[in-house]
Protein backbone atom coordinates (compact mmCIF):
# COMPACT_ATOMS: atom_id res chain seq x y z
CA TYR A 1 -0.02 0.07 -0.14
CA GLY A 2 1.22 3.60 -0.50
CA GLY A 3 2.96 5.25 2.18
CA ASN A 4 4.06 2.05 3.63
CA LEU A 5 0.49 1.30 5.27
CA VAL A 6 -0.08 -2.14 6.38
CA ASP A 7 -3.54 -3.57 5.40
CA GLY A 8 -6.00 -4.10 8.15
CA ALA A 9 -6.29 -7.78 7.26
CA ARG A 10 -2.78 -8.19 9.09
CA MET A 11 -4.55 -7.23 12.39
CA LEU A 12 -7.13 -9.81 11.91
CA GLY A 13 -4.53 -12.38 11.21
CA LEU A 14 -2.94 -11.60 14.61
CA PHE A 15 -6.22 -11.95 16.15
CA GLY A 16 -6.70 -15.39 14.51
CA ASP A 17 -3.57 -16.50 16.28
CA VAL A 18 -4.46 -15.13 19.42
CA ALA A 19 -7.85 -17.11 19.24
CA THR A 20 -6.08 -20.28 18.57
CA GLU A 21 -3.89 -19.86 21.52
CA LEU A 22 -6.94 -19.01 23.67
CA LEU A 23 -8.81 -22.21 22.42
CA ILE A 24 -5.97 -24.49 22.87
CA ARG A 25 -5.43 -23.14 26.52
CA ASN A 26 -9.17 -23.36 27.17
CA ASP A 27 -10.15 -26.64 25.36
CA GLY A 28 -6.96 -28.37 24.18
CA ASP A 29 -8.00 -27.93 20.60
CA GLU A 30 -7.40 -25.26 17.88
CA GLY A 31 -11.09 -24.90 17.14
CA LEU A 32 -12.42 -22.75 14.25
CA PHE A 33 -12.95 -19.01 13.84
CA VAL A 34 -16.64 -18.77 12.77
CA ALA A 35 -17.14 -14.94 12.43
CA TYR A 36 -16.31 -11.44 13.59
CA ASP A 37 -19.22 -9.43 14.68
CA ASN A 38 -17.28 -6.16 14.95
CA VAL A 39 -14.18 -4.75 13.77
CA GLU A 40 -12.88 -1.22 14.32
CA PHE A 41 -9.62 -0.04 12.81
CA LEU A 42 -8.65 2.95 15.00
CA SER A 43 -5.16 4.12 13.80
CA PRO A 44 -3.02 3.45 10.84
CA VAL A 45 -0.36 0.79 11.05
CA TYR A 46 2.85 1.29 8.97
CA ALA A 47 5.71 -1.03 7.82
CA GLY A 48 8.10 -1.29 10.63
CA ASP A 49 5.56 -0.63 13.49
CA TYR A 50 5.82 -3.26 16.30
CA ILE A 51 2.28 -4.63 17.32
CA GLU A 52 1.00 -6.44 20.33
CA ALA A 53 -2.18 -8.38 20.19
CA GLU A 54 -4.19 -9.58 23.04
CA GLY A 55 -7.60 -11.29 23.43
CA GLU A 56 -9.72 -12.94 26.02
CA ILE A 57 -12.71 -15.34 26.03
CA VAL A 58 -15.63 -13.53 27.50
CA SER A 59 -18.38 -16.02 27.18
CA VAL A 60 -18.37 -19.84 26.88
CA GLY A 61 -21.17 -22.06 25.28
CA ASN A 62 -21.54 -25.58 24.64
CA SER A 63 -19.18 -25.29 21.80
CA SER A 64 -18.94 -21.52 21.11
CA ARG A 65 -16.46 -19.10 22.49
CA LYS A 66 -16.98 -15.47 22.27
CA MET A 67 -13.80 -13.46 22.40
CA VAL A 68 -12.66 -9.82 22.36
CA PHE A 69 -9.32 -8.58 20.82
CA GLU A 70 -7.16 -5.42 20.85
CA ALA A 71 -3.93 -4.54 18.85
CA ARG A 72 -1.59 -1.81 20.03
CA LYS A 73 1.28 -0.19 18.36
CA VAL A 74 4.22 -0.19 20.93
CA ILE A 75 7.37 0.68 18.92
CA VAL A 76 7.65 2.83 15.91
CA PRO A 77 10.70 3.14 13.32
CA ARG A 78 12.89 6.21 13.24
CA PRO A 79 14.17 6.34 9.69
CA ASP A 80 14.91 10.00 10.38
CA ILE A 81 17.79 8.81 12.67
CA SER A 82 18.88 5.50 10.89
CA ASP A 83 17.44 2.57 8.94
CA SER A 84 17.40 0.49 12.17
CA ALA A 85 16.42 2.95 14.66
CA CYS A 86 13.19 2.62 16.72
CA ASP A 87 11.52 4.16 19.69
CA VAL A 88 9.19 2.51 22.30
CA LEU A 89 6.05 4.70 22.76
CA GLU A 90 5.56 5.88 26.14
CA GLU A 91 1.68 4.98 25.77
CA PRO A 92 0.70 2.25 23.33
CA ILE A 93 -1.69 3.35 20.56
CA VAL A 94 -4.64 1.14 20.12
CA VAL A 95 -4.93 0.34 16.34
CA CYS A 96 -7.62 -2.19 16.09
CA ARG A 97 -10.45 -3.77 18.34
CA ALA A 98 -12.67 -6.67 17.32
CA SER A 99 -14.92 -9.30 18.68
CA GLY A 100 -15.91 -12.66 17.16
CA THR A 101 -16.81 -16.09 17.84
CA CYS A 102 -14.92 -19.40 17.66
CA VAL A 103 -16.13 -22.99 17.88
CA VAL A 104 -14.58 -26.15 19.31
CA PRO A 105 -16.91 -28.97 18.45
CA LYS A 106 -17.78 -31.07 21.63
CA ASN A 107 -16.04 -34.25 20.52
CA LYS A 108 -12.86 -32.22 20.21
CA GLN A 109 -13.01 -30.56 23.63
CA ARG A 110 -10.18 -32.00 25.84
CA LYS A 111 -10.59 -29.88 28.96
């Protein structure tokens, strides 16, 4: 993308990885991501930005797991100083929030 912008789908990919870890920890199985019900892109992400993504399970059904996610920019590049210089942000910048539902079939739940 122009201006070194990173596409928003990259954040959703990170959330998918977080969801997989949460399901393994909760159920002992990777499960399946069924749908996002809300996605908000709140701030641009550029090539070289460092992003941390977190999530949590907020509701557990028989096989469904409702989750919320947040991605934050924590480090930014400083090409004005050198091609490898970076700064840690004093306050992380929330770049994306989302919520969605994953499913772990009953016969695959191990916990």
